[in-house]
Amino acid sequence: MTDLDPLTSEWAPEQIEVMQRLRDWAIAFGELNQHLASWMDLPGSDALALGRIVFAAESGTPLSPAQLSRQIGMTSGATTVLLNRLETAGHIHRSRESSDRRRVTLRPTPAARERAGRFLAFAGTEIAATLRGAAPGELRGAADLLARMTAAATEATERLAREKRLPDASPPPGRTGS
């Protein structure tokens, strides 16, 4: 962690532009997820979870319920209810693939994978065309910057998870500090 205060530091116009475009991408991606939810006849939170499960499985790194819970920002209990809905609807299955039989792995069903794939084929045409039209050097630069931004966000997330509260934060109402 550096001592850089992002709220009081001077920023170059190009740096501000990148942050604004990342925000715009995050918003547009969220809107695409809402369309996936409609396509799959799911609540938005279920579609988000299913998307994460499909992506992880396609990437060869299937998720556990605990990993999914962290990624979507839900408690383990709420995630269990969500997974029960997805399983009952035939979108996922839970398996015990590890030598540790307590570890559960989440996998999309073939039908869910196929339906999500049809959505991506239909919805992703503009994104695919943009990527195909970019020069290799532009793609490498973007991928490098995004990888470093992701690593920085992951580092911040891990630090925040360890610290739980801001250093100068007052205790919540009704609780006293230690």
C-alpha atoms as a PDB file:
ATOM      1  CA  MET A   1       0.000   0.000   0.000  1.00  0.00           C
ATOM      2  CA  THR A   2       1.237   3.482  -0.789  1.00  0.00           C
ATOM      3  CA  ASP A   3       0.568   6.689   1.115  1.00  0.00           C
ATOM      4  CA  LEU A   4      -1.148   8.211  -1.927  1.00  0.00           C
ATOM      5  CA  ASP A   5      -4.468   9.864  -1.005  1.00  0.00           C
ATOM      6  CA  PRO A   6      -6.645   9.584  -4.126  1.00  0.00           C
ATOM      7  CA  LEU A   7      -8.955  12.363  -2.949  1.00  0.00           C
ATOM      8  CA  THR A   8      -6.268  15.018  -2.494  1.00  0.00           C
ATOM      9  CA  SER A   9      -3.790  14.019  -5.240  1.00  0.00           C
ATOM     10  CA  GLU A  10      -3.520  15.850  -8.527  1.00  0.00           C
ATOM     11  CA  TRP A  11      -4.717  13.772 -11.465  1.00  0.00           C
ATOM     12  CA  ALA A  12      -3.792  14.077 -15.132  1.00  0.00           C
ATOM     13  CA  PRO A  13      -6.742  14.407 -17.513  1.00  0.00           C
ATOM     14  CA  GLU A  14      -5.814  11.027 -19.077  1.00  0.00           C
ATOM     15  CA  GLN A  15      -5.949   9.328 -15.663  1.00  0.00           C
ATOM     16  CA  ILE A  16      -9.368  10.826 -14.963  1.00  0.00           C
ATOM     17  CA  GLU A  17     -10.550   9.740 -18.397  1.00  0.00           C
ATOM     18  CA  VAL A  18      -9.452   6.131 -17.750  1.00  0.00           C
ATOM     19  CA  MET A  19     -11.296   6.034 -14.424  1.00  0.00           C
ATOM     20  CA  GLN A  20     -14.426   7.460 -16.041  1.00  0.00           C
ATOM     21  CA  ARG A  21     -14.276   4.891 -18.850  1.00  0.00           C
ATOM     22  CA  LEU A  22     -13.790   2.060 -16.337  1.00  0.00           C
ATOM     23  CA  ARG A  23     -16.846   3.310 -14.456  1.00  0.00           C
ATOM     24  CA  ASP A  24     -18.804   3.485 -17.713  1.00  0.00           C
ATOM     25  CA  TRP A  25     -17.753  -0.094 -18.566  1.00  0.00           C
ATOM     26  CA  ALA A  26     -18.837  -1.308 -15.126  1.00  0.00           C
ATOM     27  CA  ILE A  27     -22.242   0.339 -15.558  1.00  0.00           C
ATOM     28  CA  ALA A  28     -22.688  -1.009 -19.102  1.00  0.00           C
ATOM     29  CA  PHE A  29     -21.644  -4.485 -17.958  1.00  0.00           C
ATOM     30  CA  GLY A  30     -24.209  -4.296 -15.140  1.00  0.00           C
ATOM     31  CA  GLU A  31     -26.882  -3.387 -17.677  1.00  0.00           C
ATOM     32  CA  LEU A  32     -25.881  -6.369 -19.826  1.00  0.00           C
ATOM     33  CA  ASN A  33     -26.223  -8.547 -16.721  1.00  0.00           C
ATOM     34  CA  GLN A  34     -29.775  -7.247 -16.272  1.00  0.00           C
ATOM     35  CA  HIS A  35     -30.534  -8.296 -19.851  1.00  0.00           C
ATOM     36  CA  LEU A  36     -29.064 -11.731 -19.091  1.00  0.00           C
ATOM     37  CA  ALA A  37     -31.369 -11.904 -16.064  1.00  0.00           C
ATOM     38  CA  SER A  38     -34.379 -11.182 -18.278  1.00  0.00           C
ATOM     39  CA  TRP A  39     -33.161 -13.657 -20.918  1.00  0.00           C
ATOM     40  CA  MET A  40     -32.792 -16.382 -18.295  1.00  0.00           C
ATOM     41  CA  ASP A  41     -35.983 -15.397 -16.390  1.00  0.00           C
ATOM     42  CA  LEU A  42     -33.928 -14.813 -13.224  1.00  0.00           C
ATOM     43  CA  PRO A  43     -33.640 -12.086 -10.619  1.00  0.00           C
ATOM     44  CA  GLY A  44     -30.574  -9.901 -11.199  1.00  0.00           C
ATOM     45  CA  SER A  45     -28.661 -11.369  -8.255  1.00  0.00           C
ATOM     46  CA  ASP A  46     -29.249 -14.906  -9.542  1.00  0.00           C
ATOM     47  CA  ALA A  47     -28.105 -13.959 -13.053  1.00  0.00           C
ATOM     48  CA  LEU A  48     -24.978 -12.322 -11.610  1.00  0.00           C
ATOM     49  CA  ALA A  49     -24.195 -15.481  -9.660  1.00  0.00           C
ATOM     50  CA  LEU A  50     -24.927 -17.746 -12.626  1.00  0.00           C
ATOM     51  CA  GLY A  51     -22.705 -15.604 -14.835  1.00  0.00           C
ATOM     52  CA  ARG A  52     -19.856 -15.926 -12.329  1.00  0.00           C
ATOM     53  CA  ILE A  53     -20.386 -19.697 -12.086  1.00  0.00           C
ATOM     54  CA  VAL A  54     -20.410 -20.119 -15.885  1.00  0.00           C
ATOM     55  CA  PHE A  55     -17.356 -17.885 -16.369  1.00  0.00           C
ATOM     56  CA  ALA A  56     -15.388 -19.666 -13.652  1.00  0.00           C
ATOM     57  CA  ALA A  57     -16.223 -23.088 -15.070  1.00  0.00           C
ATOM     58  CA  GLU A  58     -15.347 -21.982 -18.613  1.00  0.00           C
ATOM     59  CA  SER A  59     -12.037 -20.606 -17.290  1.00  0.00           C
ATOM     60  CA  GLY A  60     -11.214 -23.937 -15.651  1.00  0.00           C
ATOM     61  CA  THR A  61     -11.427 -22.500 -12.121  1.00  0.00           C
ATOM     62  CA  PRO A  62     -14.870 -23.481 -10.807  1.00  0.00           C
ATOM     63  CA  LEU A  63     -16.088 -21.646  -7.722  1.00  0.00           C
ATOM     64  CA  SER A  64     -16.982 -22.870  -4.269  1.00  0.00           C
ATOM     65  CA  PRO A  65     -20.046 -21.367  -2.574  1.00  0.00           C
ATOM     66  CA  ALA A  66     -17.742 -19.342  -0.277  1.00  0.00           C
ATOM     67  CA  GLN A  67     -15.836 -17.888  -3.238  1.00  0.00           C
ATOM     68  CA  LEU A  68     -19.090 -16.993  -4.975  1.00  0.00           C
ATOM     69  CA  SER A  69     -20.394 -15.407  -1.784  1.00  0.00           C
ATOM     70  CA  ARG A  70     -17.340 -13.129  -1.605  1.00  0.00           C
ATOM     71  CA  GLN A  71     -17.577 -12.233  -5.293  1.00  0.00           C
ATOM     72  CA  ILE A  72     -21.236 -11.237  -5.216  1.00  0.00           C
ATOM     73  CA  GLY A  73     -21.157  -9.638  -1.759  1.00  0.00           C
ATOM     74  CA  MET A  74     -23.733 -11.847  -0.072  1.00  0.00           C
ATOM     75  CA  THR A  75     -23.658 -13.662   3.224  1.00  0.00           C
ATOM     76  CA  SER A  76     -23.163 -17.421   3.132  1.00  0.00           C
ATOM     77  CA  GLY A  77     -26.803 -17.926   4.141  1.00  0.00           C
ATOM     78  CA  ALA A  78     -28.137 -15.674   1.380  1.00  0.00           C
ATOM     79  CA  THR A  79     -25.814 -17.348  -1.121  1.00  0.00           C
ATOM     80  CA  THR A  80     -27.116 -20.780  -0.078  1.00  0.00           C
ATOM     81  CA  VAL A  81     -30.710 -19.645  -0.708  1.00  0.00           C
ATOM     82  CA  LEU A  82     -29.674 -18.229  -4.101  1.00  0.00           C
ATOM     83  CA  LEU A  83     -27.840 -21.459  -5.020  1.00  0.00           C
ATOM     84  CA  ASN A  84     -30.873 -23.506  -3.981  1.00  0.00           C
ATOM     85  CA  ARG A  85     -33.004 -21.447  -6.403  1.00  0.00           C
ATOM     86  CA  LEU A  86     -30.499 -21.892  -9.238  1.00  0.00           C
ATOM     87  CA  GLU A  87     -30.233 -25.609  -8.576  1.00  0.00           C
ATOM     88  CA  THR A  88     -34.022 -26.083  -8.383  1.00  0.00           C
ATOM     89  CA  ALA A  89     -34.392 -24.185 -11.681  1.00  0.00           C
ATOM     90  CA  GLY A  90     -31.886 -26.557 -13.305  1.00  0.00           C
ATOM     91  CA  HIS A  91     -29.157 -23.957 -13.891  1.00  0.00           C
ATOM     92  CA  ILE A  92     -26.392 -25.332 -11.651  1.00  0.00           C
ATOM     93  CA  HIS A  93     -25.335 -28.408  -9.784  1.00  0.00           C
ATOM     94  CA  ARG A  94     -23.097 -28.800  -6.777  1.00  0.00           C
ATOM     95  CA  SER A  95     -20.471 -31.506  -6.779  1.00  0.00           C
ATOM     96  CA  ARG A  96     -17.742 -32.808  -4.536  1.00  0.00           C
ATOM     97  CA  GLU A  97     -14.741 -33.109  -6.846  1.00  0.00           C
ATOM     98  CA  SER A  98     -11.929 -32.588  -4.367  1.00  0.00           C
ATOM     99  CA  SER A  99     -10.263 -35.229  -2.226  1.00  0.00           C
ATOM    100  CA  ASP A 100     -11.709 -33.158   0.634  1.00  0.00           C
ATOM    101  CA  ARG A 101     -15.317 -34.312   0.284  1.00  0.00           C
ATOM    102  CA  ARG A 102     -16.509 -31.323   2.319  1.00  0.00           C
ATOM    103  CA  ARG A 103     -15.507 -28.938  -0.481  1.00  0.00           C
ATOM    104  CA  VAL A 104     -18.375 -28.180  -2.849  1.00  0.00           C
ATOM    105  CA  THR A 105     -17.774 -27.075  -6.449  1.00  0.00           C
ATOM    106  CA  LEU A 106     -20.382 -25.128  -8.405  1.00  0.00           C
ATOM    107  CA  ARG A 107     -20.930 -26.033 -12.049  1.00  0.00           C
ATOM    108  CA  PRO A 108     -23.459 -24.776 -14.588  1.00  0.00           C
ATOM    109  CA  THR A 109     -25.676 -27.384 -16.163  1.00  0.00           C
ATOM    110  CA  PRO A 110     -25.195 -27.968 -19.882  1.00  0.00           C
ATOM    111  CA  ALA A 111     -28.588 -26.344 -20.534  1.00  0.00           C
ATOM    112  CA  ALA A 112     -27.660 -23.201 -18.559  1.00  0.00           C
ATOM    113  CA  ARG A 113     -24.265 -23.032 -20.253  1.00  0.00           C
ATOM    114  CA  GLU A 114     -25.906 -23.345 -23.679  1.00  0.00           C
ATOM    115  CA  ARG A 115     -28.570 -20.729 -22.925  1.00  0.00           C
ATOM    116  CA  ALA A 116     -26.017 -18.270 -21.507  1.00  0.00           C
ATOM    117  CA  GLY A 117     -23.846 -18.949 -24.567  1.00  0.00           C
ATOM    118  CA  ARG A 118     -26.729 -18.086 -26.891  1.00  0.00           C
ATOM    119  CA  PHE A 119     -27.203 -14.839 -24.960  1.00  0.00           C
ATOM    120  CA  LEU A 120     -23.511 -13.954 -25.250  1.00  0.00           C
ATOM    121  CA  ALA A 121     -23.513 -14.768 -28.975  1.00  0.00           C
ATOM    122  CA  PHE A 122     -26.491 -12.454 -29.463  1.00  0.00           C
ATOM    123  CA  ALA A 123     -25.575  -9.696 -26.988  1.00  0.00           C
ATOM    124  CA  GLY A 124     -21.822  -9.634 -27.497  1.00  0.00           C
ATOM    125  CA  THR A 125     -21.640  -8.797 -31.198  1.00  0.00           C
ATOM    126  CA  GLU A 126     -20.703  -5.132 -30.696  1.00  0.00           C
ATOM    127  CA  ILE A 127     -18.115  -5.954 -28.044  1.00  0.00           C
ATOM    128  CA  ALA A 128     -16.612  -8.687 -30.221  1.00  0.00           C
ATOM    129  CA  ALA A 129     -16.446  -6.317 -33.213  1.00  0.00           C
ATOM    130  CA  THR A 130     -14.692  -3.688 -31.096  1.00  0.00           C
ATOM    131  CA  LEU A 131     -12.108  -6.193 -29.852  1.00  0.00           C
ATOM    132  CA  ARG A 132     -11.568  -7.597 -33.357  1.00  0.00           C
ATOM    133  CA  GLY A 133     -11.044  -4.065 -34.699  1.00  0.00           C
ATOM    134  CA  ALA A 134      -8.414  -3.093 -32.111  1.00  0.00           C
ATOM    135  CA  ALA A 135      -4.730  -3.245 -32.969  1.00  0.00           C
ATOM    136  CA  PRO A 136      -2.668  -5.913 -31.156  1.00  0.00           C
ATOM    137  CA  GLY A 137      -0.570  -3.262 -29.378  1.00  0.00           C
ATOM    138  CA  GLU A 138      -3.712  -1.479 -28.197  1.00  0.00           C
ATOM    139  CA  LEU A 139      -5.099  -4.754 -26.847  1.00  0.00           C
ATOM    140  CA  ARG A 140      -1.839  -5.605 -25.063  1.00  0.00           C
ATOM    141  CA  GLY A 141      -1.721  -2.137 -23.472  1.00  0.00           C
ATOM    142  CA  ALA A 142      -5.354  -2.330 -22.386  1.00  0.00           C
ATOM    143  CA  ALA A 143      -4.921  -5.850 -21.023  1.00  0.00           C
ATOM    144  CA  ASP A 144      -1.822  -4.826 -19.097  1.00  0.00           C
ATOM    145  CA  LEU A 145      -3.482  -1.767 -17.575  1.00  0.00           C
ATOM    146  CA  LEU A 146      -6.628  -3.726 -16.682  1.00  0.00           C
ATOM    147  CA  ALA A 147      -4.546  -6.497 -15.098  1.00  0.00           C
ATOM    148  CA  ARG A 148      -2.729  -3.941 -12.931  1.00  0.00           C
ATOM    149  CA  MET A 149      -6.000  -2.187 -12.034  1.00  0.00           C
ATOM    150  CA  THR A 150      -7.538  -5.539 -11.086  1.00  0.00           C
ATOM    151  CA  ALA A 151      -4.505  -6.426  -8.959  1.00  0.00           C
ATOM    152  CA  ALA A 152      -4.728  -3.045  -7.208  1.00  0.00           C
ATOM    153  CA  ALA A 153      -8.469  -3.473  -6.561  1.00  0.00           C
ATOM    154  CA  THR A 154      -7.851  -7.012  -5.264  1.00  0.00           C
ATOM    155  CA  GLU A 155      -5.128  -5.731  -2.952  1.00  0.00           C
ATOM    156  CA  ALA A 156      -7.454  -3.005  -1.643  1.00  0.00           C
ATOM    157  CA  THR A 157     -10.259  -5.548  -1.139  1.00  0.00           C
ATOM    158  CA  GLU A 158      -7.964  -7.858   0.815  1.00  0.00           C
ATOM    159  CA  ARG A 159      -6.716  -4.957   2.955  1.00  0.00           C
ATOM    160  CA  LEU A 160     -10.267  -3.810   3.664  1.00  0.00           C
ATOM    161  CA  ALA A 161     -11.314  -7.359   4.574  1.00  0.00           C
ATOM    162  CA  ARG A 162      -8.444  -7.570   7.074  1.00  0.00           C
ATOM    163  CA  GLU A 163      -9.061  -4.144   8.622  1.00  0.00           C
ATOM    164  CA  LYS A 164     -12.901  -4.328   8.673  1.00  0.00           C
ATOM    165  CA  ARG A 165     -13.213  -0.605   9.561  1.00  0.00           C
ATOM    166  CA  LEU A 166     -11.615   2.621   8.462  1.00  0.00           C
ATOM    167  CA  PRO A 167      -8.741   3.622  10.780  1.00  0.00           C
ATOM    168  CA  ASP A 168     -10.506   6.816  11.947  1.00  0.00           C
ATOM    169  CA  ALA A 169     -14.008   5.360  11.977  1.00  0.00           C
ATOM    170  CA  SER A 170     -16.145   5.729  15.057  1.00  0.00           C
ATOM    171  CA  PRO A 171     -17.718   2.580  16.477  1.00  0.00           C
ATOM    172  CA  PRO A 172     -21.214   1.828  15.177  1.00  0.00           C
ATOM    173  CA  PRO A 173     -24.097   3.332  17.192  1.00  0.00           C
ATOM    174  CA  GLY A 174     -24.708   1.398  20.403  1.00  0.00           C
ATOM    175  CA  ARG A 175     -21.161   0.011  20.526  1.00  0.00           C
ATOM    176  CA  THR A 176     -18.129   1.350  22.226  1.00  0.00           C
ATOM    177  CA  GLY A 177     -14.573   1.215  20.976  1.00  0.00           C
ATOM    178  CA  SER A 178     -12.087  -1.185  22.568  1.00  0.00           C
END
